[in-house]
Amino acid sequence: MGLIPDEGKVLPPPGVVNRSSVWLAAVGWGTAILHNAVNRRPPLKSGLHRQVLFATIGWFIGYHITKYENYTYARLDRDMNEYIRLHPEDFAMKDTKTFAEIVEPFHPVR
């Protein structure tokens, strides 16, 4: 089952490159760099396999966070639209006013 129920499986998948996956991949890579620096190893040169691994793990987690976020927003939109459909009297259209009707007349003081 996972984090997303079966009704969320019909949503289109998010793009592979999205802000969460890029951000968490950078955080994972930075974690590997920081780990190298703390252990007094050359930060960029040593442990390249760990840097790639941490960035990949961050990318994977970010992708699934975006997937869950899309499901949550789709569920909220569905619930909100259903409520609006069931209670149209609460969402009656208001008469539109022009900007000139809202603003007071302007009289410059000289």
PDB file of N, CA and C in Angstrom:
ATOM      1  N   MET A   1       0.832  -1.186   0.000  1.00  0.00           N
ATOM      2  CA  MET A   1       0.000   0.000   0.000  1.00  0.00           C
ATOM      3  C   MET A   1       0.873   1.244   0.000  1.00  0.00           C
ATOM      4  N   GLY A   2       1.785   1.382   0.894  1.00  0.00           N
ATOM      5  CA  GLY A   2       2.666   2.543   0.906  1.00  0.00           C
ATOM      6  C   GLY A   2       1.990   3.778   1.478  1.00  0.00           C
ATOM      7  N   LEU A   3       2.536   4.913   1.139  1.00  0.00           N
ATOM      8  CA  LEU A   3       1.996   6.179   1.638  1.00  0.00           C
ATOM      9  C   LEU A   3       0.760   6.634   0.876  1.00  0.00           C
ATOM     10  N   ILE A   4       0.685   6.268  -0.392  1.00  0.00           N
ATOM     11  CA  ILE A   4      -0.407   6.743  -1.239  1.00  0.00           C
ATOM     12  C   ILE A   4      -1.419   5.619  -1.423  1.00  0.00           C
ATOM     13  N   PRO A   5      -2.701   5.865  -1.078  1.00  0.00           N
ATOM     14  CA  PRO A   5      -3.721   4.826  -1.293  1.00  0.00           C
ATOM     15  C   PRO A   5      -3.948   4.560  -2.782  1.00  0.00           C
ATOM     16  N   ASP A   6      -4.750   3.553  -3.074  1.00  0.00           N
ATOM     17  CA  ASP A   6      -4.982   3.152  -4.459  1.00  0.00           C
ATOM     18  C   ASP A   6      -5.646   4.252  -5.277  1.00  0.00           C
ATOM     19  N   GLU A   7      -6.454   5.106  -4.645  1.00  0.00           N
ATOM     20  CA  GLU A   7      -7.107   6.181  -5.414  1.00  0.00           C
ATOM     21  C   GLU A   7      -6.092   7.218  -5.892  1.00  0.00           C
ATOM     22  N   GLY A   8      -4.941   7.271  -5.280  1.00  0.00           N
ATOM     23  CA  GLY A   8      -3.906   8.201  -5.708  1.00  0.00           C
ATOM     24  C   GLY A   8      -3.039   7.666  -6.829  1.00  0.00           C
ATOM     25  N   LYS A   9      -3.198   6.388  -7.170  1.00  0.00           N
ATOM     26  CA  LYS A   9      -2.385   5.786  -8.229  1.00  0.00           C
ATOM     27  C   LYS A   9      -2.789   6.278  -9.616  1.00  0.00           C
ATOM     28  N   VAL A  10      -3.973   6.877  -9.752  1.00  0.00           N
ATOM     29  CA  VAL A  10      -4.432   7.330 -11.058  1.00  0.00           C
ATOM     30  C   VAL A  10      -3.851   8.690 -11.425  1.00  0.00           C
ATOM     31  N   LEU A  11      -3.232   9.370 -10.470  1.00  0.00           N
ATOM     32  CA  LEU A  11      -2.637  10.668 -10.763  1.00  0.00           C
ATOM     33  C   LEU A  11      -1.413  10.495 -11.655  1.00  0.00           C
ATOM     34  N   PRO A  12      -1.136  11.475 -12.521  1.00  0.00           N
ATOM     35  CA  PRO A  12       0.073  11.356 -13.343  1.00  0.00           C
ATOM     36  C   PRO A  12       1.314  11.468 -12.461  1.00  0.00           C
ATOM     37  N   PRO A  13       2.369  10.758 -12.802  1.00  0.00           N
ATOM     38  CA  PRO A  13       3.570  10.827 -11.970  1.00  0.00           C
ATOM     39  C   PRO A  13       4.225  12.205 -12.095  1.00  0.00           C
ATOM     40  N   PRO A  14       4.875  12.657 -11.037  1.00  0.00           N
ATOM     41  CA  PRO A  14       5.574  13.942 -11.139  1.00  0.00           C
ATOM     42  C   PRO A  14       6.797  13.808 -12.040  1.00  0.00           C
ATOM     43  N   GLY A  15       7.304  14.943 -12.472  1.00  0.00           N
ATOM     44  CA  GLY A  15       8.509  14.917 -13.282  1.00  0.00           C
ATOM     45  C   GLY A  15       9.681  14.380 -12.484  1.00  0.00           C
ATOM     46  N   VAL A  16      10.629  13.773 -13.182  1.00  0.00           N
ATOM     47  CA  VAL A  16      11.788  13.212 -12.505  1.00  0.00           C
ATOM     48  C   VAL A  16      12.608  14.331 -11.872  1.00  0.00           C
ATOM     49  N   VAL A  17      12.685  15.459 -12.556  1.00  0.00           N
ATOM     50  CA  VAL A  17      13.397  16.614 -12.015  1.00  0.00           C
ATOM     51  C   VAL A  17      12.354  17.557 -11.433  1.00  0.00           C
ATOM     52  N   ASN A  18      12.308  17.630 -10.102  1.00  0.00           N
ATOM     53  CA  ASN A  18      11.411  18.561  -9.431  1.00  0.00           C
ATOM     54  C   ASN A  18      12.156  19.169  -8.253  1.00  0.00           C
ATOM     55  N   ARG A  19      11.556  20.180  -7.640  1.00  0.00           N
ATOM     56  CA  ARG A  19      12.299  20.926  -6.623  1.00  0.00           C
ATOM     57  C   ARG A  19      12.642  20.082  -5.410  1.00  0.00           C
ATOM     58  N   SER A  20      11.777  19.168  -5.010  1.00  0.00           N
ATOM     59  CA  SER A  20      12.065  18.344  -3.835  1.00  0.00           C
ATOM     60  C   SER A  20      13.208  17.376  -4.096  1.00  0.00           C
ATOM     61  N   SER A  21      13.196  16.726  -5.257  1.00  0.00           N
ATOM     62  CA  SER A  21      14.253  15.757  -5.527  1.00  0.00           C
ATOM     63  C   SER A  21      15.598  16.445  -5.725  1.00  0.00           C
ATOM     64  N   VAL A  22      15.604  17.594  -6.397  1.00  0.00           N
ATOM     65  CA  VAL A  22      16.868  18.319  -6.584  1.00  0.00           C
ATOM     66  C   VAL A  22      17.389  18.819  -5.244  1.00  0.00           C
ATOM     67  N   TRP A  23      16.503  19.369  -4.438  1.00  0.00           N
ATOM     68  CA  TRP A  23      16.916  19.899  -3.142  1.00  0.00           C
ATOM     69  C   TRP A  23      17.458  18.789  -2.242  1.00  0.00           C
ATOM     70  N   LEU A  24      16.744  17.679  -2.137  1.00  0.00           N
ATOM     71  CA  LEU A  24      17.195  16.602  -1.256  1.00  0.00           C
ATOM     72  C   LEU A  24      18.422  15.878  -1.815  1.00  0.00           C
ATOM     73  N   ALA A  25      18.591  15.845  -3.130  1.00  0.00           N
ATOM     74  CA  ALA A  25      19.823  15.289  -3.689  1.00  0.00           C
ATOM     75  C   ALA A  25      21.008  16.169  -3.310  1.00  0.00           C
ATOM     76  N   ALA A  26      20.819  17.486  -3.358  1.00  0.00           N
ATOM     77  CA  ALA A  26      21.893  18.399  -2.947  1.00  0.00           C
ATOM     78  C   ALA A  26      22.188  18.259  -1.455  1.00  0.00           C
ATOM     79  N   VAL A  27      21.166  18.060  -0.655  1.00  0.00           N
ATOM     80  CA  VAL A  27      21.367  17.858   0.785  1.00  0.00           C
ATOM     81  C   VAL A  27      22.123  16.552   1.027  1.00  0.00           C
ATOM     82  N   GLY A  28      21.774  15.488   0.301  1.00  0.00           N
ATOM     83  CA  GLY A  28      22.474  14.215   0.442  1.00  0.00           C
ATOM     84  C   GLY A  28      23.933  14.323   0.038  1.00  0.00           C
ATOM     85  N   TRP A  29      24.192  15.005  -1.081  1.00  0.00           N
ATOM     86  CA  TRP A  29      25.567  15.202  -1.523  1.00  0.00           C
ATOM     87  C   TRP A  29      26.340  16.038  -0.513  1.00  0.00           C
ATOM     88  N   GLY A  30      25.701  17.088   0.007  1.00  0.00           N
ATOM     89  CA  GLY A  30      26.344  17.924   1.032  1.00  0.00           C
ATOM     90  C   GLY A  30      26.628  17.147   2.305  1.00  0.00           C
ATOM     91  N   THR A  31      25.762  16.208   2.638  1.00  0.00           N
ATOM     92  CA  THR A  31      25.993  15.374   3.815  1.00  0.00           C
ATOM     93  C   THR A  31      27.243  14.521   3.638  1.00  0.00           C
ATOM     94  N   ALA A  32      27.410  13.944   2.447  1.00  0.00           N
ATOM     95  CA  ALA A  32      28.610  13.144   2.185  1.00  0.00           C
ATOM     96  C   ALA A  32      29.859  14.013   2.217  1.00  0.00           C
ATOM     97  N   ILE A  33      29.788  15.209   1.663  1.00  0.00           N
ATOM     98  CA  ILE A  33      30.921  16.141   1.681  1.00  0.00           C
ATOM     99  C   ILE A  33      31.258  16.523   3.121  1.00  0.00           C
ATOM    100  N   LEU A  34      30.246  16.840   3.898  1.00  0.00           N
ATOM    101  CA  LEU A  34      30.467  17.215   5.298  1.00  0.00           C
ATOM    102  C   LEU A  34      31.054  16.050   6.087  1.00  0.00           C
ATOM    103  N   HIS A  35      30.586  14.842   5.824  1.00  0.00           N
ATOM    104  CA  HIS A  35      31.136  13.666   6.504  1.00  0.00           C
ATOM    105  C   HIS A  35      32.617  13.495   6.181  1.00  0.00           C
ATOM    106  N   ASN A  36      32.989  13.720   4.924  1.00  0.00           N
ATOM    107  CA  ASN A  36      34.403  13.648   4.545  1.00  0.00           C
ATOM    108  C   ASN A  36      35.207  14.727   5.249  1.00  0.00           C
ATOM    109  N   ALA A  37      34.674  15.931   5.310  1.00  0.00           N
ATOM    110  CA  ALA A  37      35.413  17.039   5.933  1.00  0.00           C
ATOM    111  C   ALA A  37      35.587  16.816   7.425  1.00  0.00           C
ATOM    112  N   VAL A  38      34.565  16.299   8.086  1.00  0.00           N
ATOM    113  CA  VAL A  38      34.651  16.057   9.528  1.00  0.00           C
ATOM    114  C   VAL A  38      35.691  14.979   9.822  1.00  0.00           C
ATOM    115  N   ASN A  39      35.802  13.983   8.947  1.00  0.00           N
ATOM    116  CA  ASN A  39      36.760  12.902   9.150  1.00  0.00           C
ATOM    117  C   ASN A  39      38.144  13.213   8.558  1.00  0.00           C
ATOM    118  N   ARG A  40      38.394  14.473   8.228  1.00  0.00           N
ATOM    119  CA  ARG A  40      39.689  14.961   7.736  1.00  0.00           C
ATOM    120  C   ARG A  40      40.170  14.216   6.485  1.00  0.00           C
ATOM    121  N   ARG A  41      39.231  14.018   5.560  1.00  0.00           N
ATOM    122  CA  ARG A  41      39.560  13.478   4.248  1.00  0.00           C
ATOM    123  C   ARG A  41      39.320  14.581   3.235  1.00  0.00           C
ATOM    124  N   PRO A  42      39.910  14.509   2.068  1.00  0.00           N
ATOM    125  CA  PRO A  42      39.623  15.521   1.048  1.00  0.00           C
ATOM    126  C   PRO A  42      38.132  15.483   0.705  1.00  0.00           C
ATOM    127  N   PRO A  43      37.399  16.557   0.958  1.00  0.00           N
ATOM    128  CA  PRO A  43      35.931  16.498   0.846  1.00  0.00           C
ATOM    129  C   PRO A  43      35.398  16.100  -0.532  1.00  0.00           C
ATOM    130  N   LEU A  44      35.967  16.629  -1.602  1.00  0.00           N
ATOM    131  CA  LEU A  44      35.415  16.343  -2.928  1.00  0.00           C
ATOM    132  C   LEU A  44      36.001  15.105  -3.578  1.00  0.00           C
ATOM    133  N   LYS A  45      37.198  14.695  -3.164  1.00  0.00           N
ATOM    134  CA  LYS A  45      37.890  13.597  -3.846  1.00  0.00           C
ATOM    135  C   LYS A  45      37.596  12.231  -3.252  1.00  0.00           C
ATOM    136  N   SER A  46      37.408  12.153  -1.963  1.00  0.00           N
ATOM    137  CA  SER A  46      37.275  10.827  -1.355  1.00  0.00           C
ATOM    138  C   SER A  46      35.801  10.453  -1.199  1.00  0.00           C
ATOM    139  N   GLY A  47      35.562   9.171  -1.258  1.00  0.00           N
ATOM    140  CA  GLY A  47      34.220   8.655  -1.045  1.00  0.00           C
ATOM    141  C   GLY A  47      33.236   9.046  -2.130  1.00  0.00           C
ATOM    142  N   LEU A  48      33.660   8.997  -3.393  1.00  0.00           N
ATOM    143  CA  LEU A  48      32.755   9.370  -4.487  1.00  0.00           C
ATOM    144  C   LEU A  48      31.546   8.441  -4.556  1.00  0.00           C
ATOM    145  N   HIS A  49      31.758   7.172  -4.220  1.00  0.00           N
ATOM    146  CA  HIS A  49      30.632   6.237  -4.229  1.00  0.00           C
ATOM    147  C   HIS A  49      29.597   6.635  -3.178  1.00  0.00           C
ATOM    148  N   ARG A  50      30.055   7.138  -2.025  1.00  0.00           N
ATOM    149  CA  ARG A  50      29.125   7.587  -0.982  1.00  0.00           C
ATOM    150  C   ARG A  50      28.405   8.861  -1.407  1.00  0.00           C
ATOM    151  N   GLN A  51      29.130   9.749  -2.089  1.00  0.00           N
ATOM    152  CA  GLN A  51      28.495  10.982  -2.563  1.00  0.00           C
ATOM    153  C   GLN A  51      27.377  10.656  -3.553  1.00  0.00           C
ATOM    154  N   VAL A  52      27.641   9.754  -4.472  1.00  0.00           N
ATOM    155  CA  VAL A  52      26.621   9.365  -5.450  1.00  0.00           C
ATOM    156  C   VAL A  52      25.461   8.657  -4.757  1.00  0.00           C
ATOM    157  N   LEU A  53      25.776   7.800  -3.800  1.00  0.00           N
ATOM    158  CA  LEU A  53      24.738   7.076  -3.078  1.00  0.00           C
ATOM    159  C   LEU A  53      23.833   8.025  -2.303  1.00  0.00           C
ATOM    160  N   PHE A  54      24.412   8.959  -1.559  1.00  0.00           N
ATOM    161  CA  PHE A  54      23.609   9.889  -0.764  1.00  0.00           C
ATOM    162  C   PHE A  54      22.770  10.796  -1.660  1.00  0.00           C
ATOM    163  N   ALA A  55      23.348  11.244  -2.784  1.00  0.00           N
ATOM    164  CA  ALA A  55      22.576  12.080  -3.713  1.00  0.00           C
ATOM    165  C   ALA A  55      21.418  11.293  -4.317  1.00  0.00           C
ATOM    166  N   THR A  56      21.653  10.028  -4.638  1.00  0.00           N
ATOM    167  CA  THR A  56      20.596   9.192  -5.207  1.00  0.00           C
ATOM    168  C   THR A  56      19.490   8.928  -4.197  1.00  0.00           C
ATOM    169  N   ILE A  57      19.869   8.681  -2.960  1.00  0.00           N
ATOM    170  CA  ILE A  57      18.865   8.471  -1.914  1.00  0.00           C
ATOM    171  C   ILE A  57      18.034   9.738  -1.713  1.00  0.00           C
ATOM    172  N   GLY A  58      18.688  10.889  -1.704  1.00  0.00           N
ATOM    173  CA  GLY A  58      17.961  12.154  -1.582  1.00  0.00           C
ATOM    174  C   GLY A  58      17.018  12.382  -2.744  1.00  0.00           C
ATOM    175  N   TRP A  59      17.478  12.061  -3.956  1.00  0.00           N
ATOM    176  CA  TRP A  59      16.640  12.212  -5.152  1.00  0.00           C
ATOM    177  C   TRP A  59      15.411  11.313  -5.052  1.00  0.00           C
ATOM    178  N   PHE A  60      15.598  10.075  -4.635  1.00  0.00           N
ATOM    179  CA  PHE A  60      14.503   9.116  -4.504  1.00  0.00           C
ATOM    180  C   PHE A  60      13.482   9.586  -3.468  1.00  0.00           C
ATOM    181  N   ILE A  61      13.958  10.024  -2.312  1.00  0.00           N
ATOM    182  CA  ILE A  61      13.048  10.501  -1.256  1.00  0.00           C
ATOM    183  C   ILE A  61      12.310  11.746  -1.728  1.00  0.00           C
ATOM    184  N   GLY A  62      12.997  12.661  -2.395  1.00  0.00           N
ATOM    185  CA  GLY A  62      12.357  13.875  -2.904  1.00  0.00           C
ATOM    186  C   GLY A  62      11.286  13.582  -3.934  1.00  0.00           C
ATOM    187  N   TYR A  63      11.533  12.599  -4.794  1.00  0.00           N
ATOM    188  CA  TYR A  63      10.538  12.211  -5.798  1.00  0.00           C
ATOM    189  C   TYR A  63       9.265  11.700  -5.130  1.00  0.00           C
ATOM    190  N   HIS A  64       9.435  10.860  -4.121  1.00  0.00           N
ATOM    191  CA  HIS A  64       8.259  10.295  -3.455  1.00  0.00           C
ATOM    192  C   HIS A  64       7.568  11.316  -2.553  1.00  0.00           C
ATOM    193  N   ILE A  65       8.291  12.271  -2.027  1.00  0.00           N
ATOM    194  CA  ILE A  65       7.649  13.365  -1.290  1.00  0.00           C
ATOM    195  C   ILE A  65       6.783  14.187  -2.236  1.00  0.00           C
ATOM    196  N   THR A  66       7.291  14.468  -3.433  1.00  0.00           N
ATOM    197  CA  THR A  66       6.503  15.217  -4.419  1.00  0.00           C
ATOM    198  C   THR A  66       5.270  14.424  -4.847  1.00  0.00           C
ATOM    199  N   LYS A  67       5.429  13.130  -4.983  1.00  0.00           N
ATOM    200  CA  LYS A  67       4.287  12.280  -5.346  1.00  0.00           C
ATOM    201  C   LYS A  67       3.206  12.340  -4.265  1.00  0.00           C
ATOM    202  N   TYR A  68       3.614  12.264  -3.001  1.00  0.00           N
ATOM    203  CA  TYR A  68       2.661  12.342  -1.898  1.00  0.00           C
ATOM    204  C   TYR A  68       2.046  13.745  -1.810  1.00  0.00           C
ATOM    205  N   GLU A  69       2.842  14.771  -2.062  1.00  0.00           N
ATOM    206  CA  GLU A  69       2.332  16.147  -2.047  1.00  0.00           C
ATOM    207  C   GLU A  69       1.269  16.341  -3.127  1.00  0.00           C
ATOM    208  N   ASN A  70       1.524  15.825  -4.331  1.00  0.00           N
ATOM    209  CA  ASN A  70       0.528  15.927  -5.408  1.00  0.00           C
ATOM    210  C   ASN A  70      -0.758  15.206  -5.041  1.00  0.00           C
ATOM    211  N   TYR A  71      -0.644  14.032  -4.406  1.00  0.00           N
ATOM    212  CA  TYR A  71      -1.842  13.306  -3.980  1.00  0.00           C
ATOM    213  C   TYR A  71      -2.614  14.101  -2.933  1.00  0.00           C
ATOM    214  N   THR A  72      -1.907  14.682  -1.974  1.00  0.00           N
ATOM    215  CA  THR A  72      -2.576  15.442  -0.914  1.00  0.00           C
ATOM    216  C   THR A  72      -3.323  16.642  -1.490  1.00  0.00           C
ATOM    217  N   TYR A  73      -2.677  17.388  -2.394  1.00  0.00           N
ATOM    218  CA  TYR A  73      -3.348  18.545  -2.982  1.00  0.00           C
ATOM    219  C   TYR A  73      -4.518  18.128  -3.873  1.00  0.00           C
ATOM    220  N   ALA A  74      -4.399  17.014  -4.581  1.00  0.00           N
ATOM    221  CA  ALA A  74      -5.508  16.531  -5.403  1.00  0.00           C
ATOM    222  C   ALA A  74      -6.687  16.123  -4.519  1.00  0.00           C
ATOM    223  N   ARG A  75      -6.407  15.483  -3.395  1.00  0.00           N
ATOM    224  CA  ARG A  75      -7.475  15.081  -2.465  1.00  0.00           C
ATOM    225  C   ARG A  75      -8.154  16.313  -1.876  1.00  0.00           C
ATOM    226  N   LEU A  76      -7.369  17.316  -1.479  1.00  0.00           N
ATOM    227  CA  LEU A  76      -7.967  18.534  -0.930  1.00  0.00           C
ATOM    228  C   LEU A  76      -8.814  19.266  -1.975  1.00  0.00           C
ATOM    229  N   ASP A  77      -8.323  19.321  -3.220  1.00  0.00           N
ATOM    230  CA  ASP A  77      -9.099  19.949  -4.297  1.00  0.00           C
ATOM    231  C   ASP A  77     -10.402  19.199  -4.541  1.00  0.00           C
ATOM    232  N   ARG A  78     -10.327  17.881  -4.530  1.00  0.00           N
ATOM    233  CA  ARG A  78     -11.538  17.079  -4.726  1.00  0.00           C
ATOM    234  C   ARG A  78     -12.556  17.337  -3.620  1.00  0.00           C
ATOM    235  N   ASP A  79     -12.094  17.356  -2.377  1.00  0.00           N
ATOM    236  CA  ASP A  79     -13.002  17.597  -1.256  1.00  0.00           C
ATOM    237  C   ASP A  79     -13.598  19.001  -1.300  1.00  0.00           C
ATOM    238  N   MET A  80     -12.777  19.989  -1.656  1.00  0.00           N
ATOM    239  CA  MET A  80     -13.266  21.359  -1.729  1.00  0.00           C
ATOM    240  C   MET A  80     -14.305  21.516  -2.849  1.00  0.00           C
ATOM    241  N   ASN A  81     -14.028  20.938  -4.016  1.00  0.00           N
ATOM    242  CA  ASN A  81     -14.989  21.031  -5.121  1.00  0.00           C
ATOM    243  C   ASN A  81     -16.287  20.293  -4.801  1.00  0.00           C
ATOM    244  N   GLU A  82     -16.201  19.185  -4.081  1.00  0.00           N
ATOM    245  CA  GLU A  82     -17.406  18.459  -3.675  1.00  0.00           C
ATOM    246  C   GLU A  82     -18.231  19.289  -2.693  1.00  0.00           C
ATOM    247  N   TYR A  83     -17.561  19.971  -1.770  1.00  0.00           N
ATOM    248  CA  TYR A  83     -18.272  20.820  -0.814  1.00  0.00           C
ATOM    249  C   TYR A  83     -18.952  21.987  -1.534  1.00  0.00           C
ATOM    250  N   ILE A  84     -18.255  22.581  -2.490  1.00  0.00           N
ATOM    251  CA  ILE A  84     -18.848  23.687  -3.254  1.00  0.00           C
ATOM    252  C   ILE A  84     -20.049  23.181  -4.048  1.00  0.00           C
ATOM    253  N   ARG A  85     -19.956  21.983  -4.598  1.00  0.00           N
ATOM    254  CA  ARG A  85     -21.075  21.436  -5.371  1.00  0.00           C
ATOM    255  C   ARG A  85     -22.277  21.148  -4.482  1.00  0.00           C
ATOM    256  N   LEU A  86     -22.024  20.713  -3.240  1.00  0.00           N
ATOM    257  CA  LEU A  86     -23.130  20.381  -2.340  1.00  0.00           C
ATOM    258  C   LEU A  86     -23.734  21.602  -1.643  1.00  0.00           C
ATOM    259  N   HIS A  87     -23.003  22.704  -1.552  1.00  0.00           N
ATOM    260  CA  HIS A  87     -23.481  23.909  -0.868  1.00  0.00           C
ATOM    261  C   HIS A  87     -23.347  25.134  -1.774  1.00  0.00           C
ATOM    262  N   PRO A  88     -24.126  25.195  -2.848  1.00  0.00           N
ATOM    263  CA  PRO A  88     -23.990  26.336  -3.774  1.00  0.00           C
ATOM    264  C   PRO A  88     -24.472  27.651  -3.155  1.00  0.00           C
ATOM    265  N   GLU A  89     -25.325  27.590  -2.146  1.00  0.00           N
ATOM    266  CA  GLU A  89     -25.829  28.835  -1.555  1.00  0.00           C
ATOM    267  C   GLU A  89     -24.724  29.590  -0.801  1.00  0.00           C
ATOM    268  N   ASP A  90     -23.709  28.884  -0.340  1.00  0.00           N
ATOM    269  CA  ASP A  90     -22.595  29.545   0.347  1.00  0.00           C
ATOM    270  C   ASP A  90     -21.628  30.205  -0.619  1.00  0.00           C
ATOM    271  N   PHE A  91     -21.730  29.869  -1.900  1.00  0.00           N
ATOM    272  CA  PHE A  91     -20.786  30.373  -2.886  1.00  0.00           C
ATOM    273  C   PHE A  91     -21.513  31.058  -4.037  1.00  0.00           C
ATOM    274  N   ALA A  92     -22.467  31.895  -3.694  1.00  0.00           N
ATOM    275  CA  ALA A  92     -23.218  32.612  -4.724  1.00  0.00           C
ATOM    276  C   ALA A  92     -22.323  33.657  -5.379  1.00  0.00           C
ATOM    277  N   MET A  93     -22.549  33.879  -6.668  1.00  0.00           N
ATOM    278  CA  MET A  93     -21.752  34.866  -7.398  1.00  0.00           C
ATOM    279  C   MET A  93     -22.152  36.265  -6.959  1.00  0.00           C
ATOM    280  N   LYS A  94     -21.169  37.095  -6.666  1.00  0.00           N
ATOM    281  CA  LYS A  94     -21.431  38.475  -6.269  1.00  0.00           C
ATOM    282  C   LYS A  94     -21.455  39.345  -7.512  1.00  0.00           C
ATOM    283  N   ASP A  95     -22.203  40.456  -7.419  1.00  0.00           N
ATOM    284  CA  ASP A  95     -22.218  41.379  -8.543  1.00  0.00           C
ATOM    285  C   ASP A  95     -20.858  42.068  -8.630  1.00  0.00           C
ATOM    286  N   THR A  96     -20.389  42.208  -9.856  1.00  0.00           N
ATOM    287  CA  THR A  96     -19.058  42.780 -10.054  1.00  0.00           C
ATOM    288  C   THR A  96     -19.128  44.289 -10.057  1.00  0.00           C
ATOM    289  N   LYS A  97     -18.115  44.913  -9.489  1.00  0.00           N
ATOM    290  CA  LYS A  97     -18.016  46.367  -9.469  1.00  0.00           C
ATOM    291  C   LYS A  97     -16.778  46.763 -10.244  1.00  0.00           C
ATOM    292  N   THR A  98     -16.838  47.937 -10.808  1.00  0.00           N
ATOM    293  CA  THR A  98     -15.653  48.448 -11.469  1.00  0.00           C
ATOM    294  C   THR A  98     -14.749  49.085 -10.417  1.00  0.00           C
ATOM    295  N   PHE A  99     -13.522  49.329 -10.797  1.00  0.00           N
ATOM    296  CA  PHE A  99     -12.568  49.920  -9.869  1.00  0.00           C
ATOM    297  C   PHE A  99     -12.997  51.338  -9.484  1.00  0.00           C
ATOM    298  N   ALA A 100     -13.619  52.048 -10.403  1.00  0.00           N
ATOM    299  CA  ALA A 100     -14.069  53.412 -10.119  1.00  0.00           C
ATOM    300  C   ALA A 100     -15.195  53.437  -9.092  1.00  0.00           C
ATOM    301  N   GLU A 101     -15.990  52.389  -9.009  1.00  0.00           N
ATOM    302  CA  GLU A 101     -17.061  52.325  -8.021  1.00  0.00           C
ATOM    303  C   GLU A 101     -16.519  52.028  -6.622  1.00  0.00           C
ATOM    304  N   ILE A 102     -15.369  51.389  -6.541  1.00  0.00           N
ATOM    305  CA  ILE A 102     -14.797  51.031  -5.249  1.00  0.00           C
ATOM    306  C   ILE A 102     -14.016  52.192  -4.645  1.00  0.00           C
ATOM    307  N   VAL A 103     -13.230  52.868  -5.459  1.00  0.00           N
ATOM    308  CA  VAL A 103     -12.340  53.927  -4.980  1.00  0.00           C
ATOM    309  C   VAL A 103     -13.118  55.231  -4.832  1.00  0.00           C
ATOM    310  N   GLU A 104     -12.777  55.981  -3.797  1.00  0.00           N
ATOM    311  CA  GLU A 104     -13.405  57.292  -3.602  1.00  0.00           C
ATOM    312  C   GLU A 104     -12.932  58.241  -4.692  1.00  0.00           C
ATOM    313  N   PRO A 105     -13.762  59.245  -5.017  1.00  0.00           N
ATOM    314  CA  PRO A 105     -13.331  60.215  -6.027  1.00  0.00           C
ATOM    315  C   PRO A 105     -12.087  60.982  -5.555  1.00  0.00           C
ATOM    316  N   PHE A 106     -11.221  61.258  -6.485  1.00  0.00           N
ATOM    317  CA  PHE A 106      -9.961  61.919  -6.149  1.00  0.00           C
ATOM    318  C   PHE A 106     -10.084  63.417  -6.387  1.00  0.00           C
ATOM    319  N   HIS A 107      -9.813  64.189  -5.347  1.00  0.00           N
ATOM    320  CA  HIS A 107      -9.805  65.651  -5.427  1.00  0.00           C
ATOM    321  C   HIS A 107      -8.445  66.120  -4.930  1.00  0.00           C
ATOM    322  N   PRO A 108      -7.575  66.558  -5.842  1.00  0.00           N
ATOM    323  CA  PRO A 108      -6.247  66.964  -5.412  1.00  0.00           C
ATOM    324  C   PRO A 108      -6.288  68.240  -4.572  1.00  0.00           C
ATOM    325  N   VAL A 109      -5.476  68.279  -3.540  1.00  0.00           N
ATOM    326  CA  VAL A 109      -5.369  69.457  -2.677  1.00  0.00           C
ATOM    327  C   VAL A 109      -4.157  70.242  -3.143  1.00  0.00           C
ATOM    328  N   ARG A 110      -4.395  71.531  -3.514  1.00  0.00           N
ATOM    329  CA  ARG A 110      -3.283  72.342  -4.004  1.00  0.00           C
ATOM    330  C   ARG A 110      -3.086  73.535  -3.144  1.00  0.00           C
TER     331      ARG A 110
END
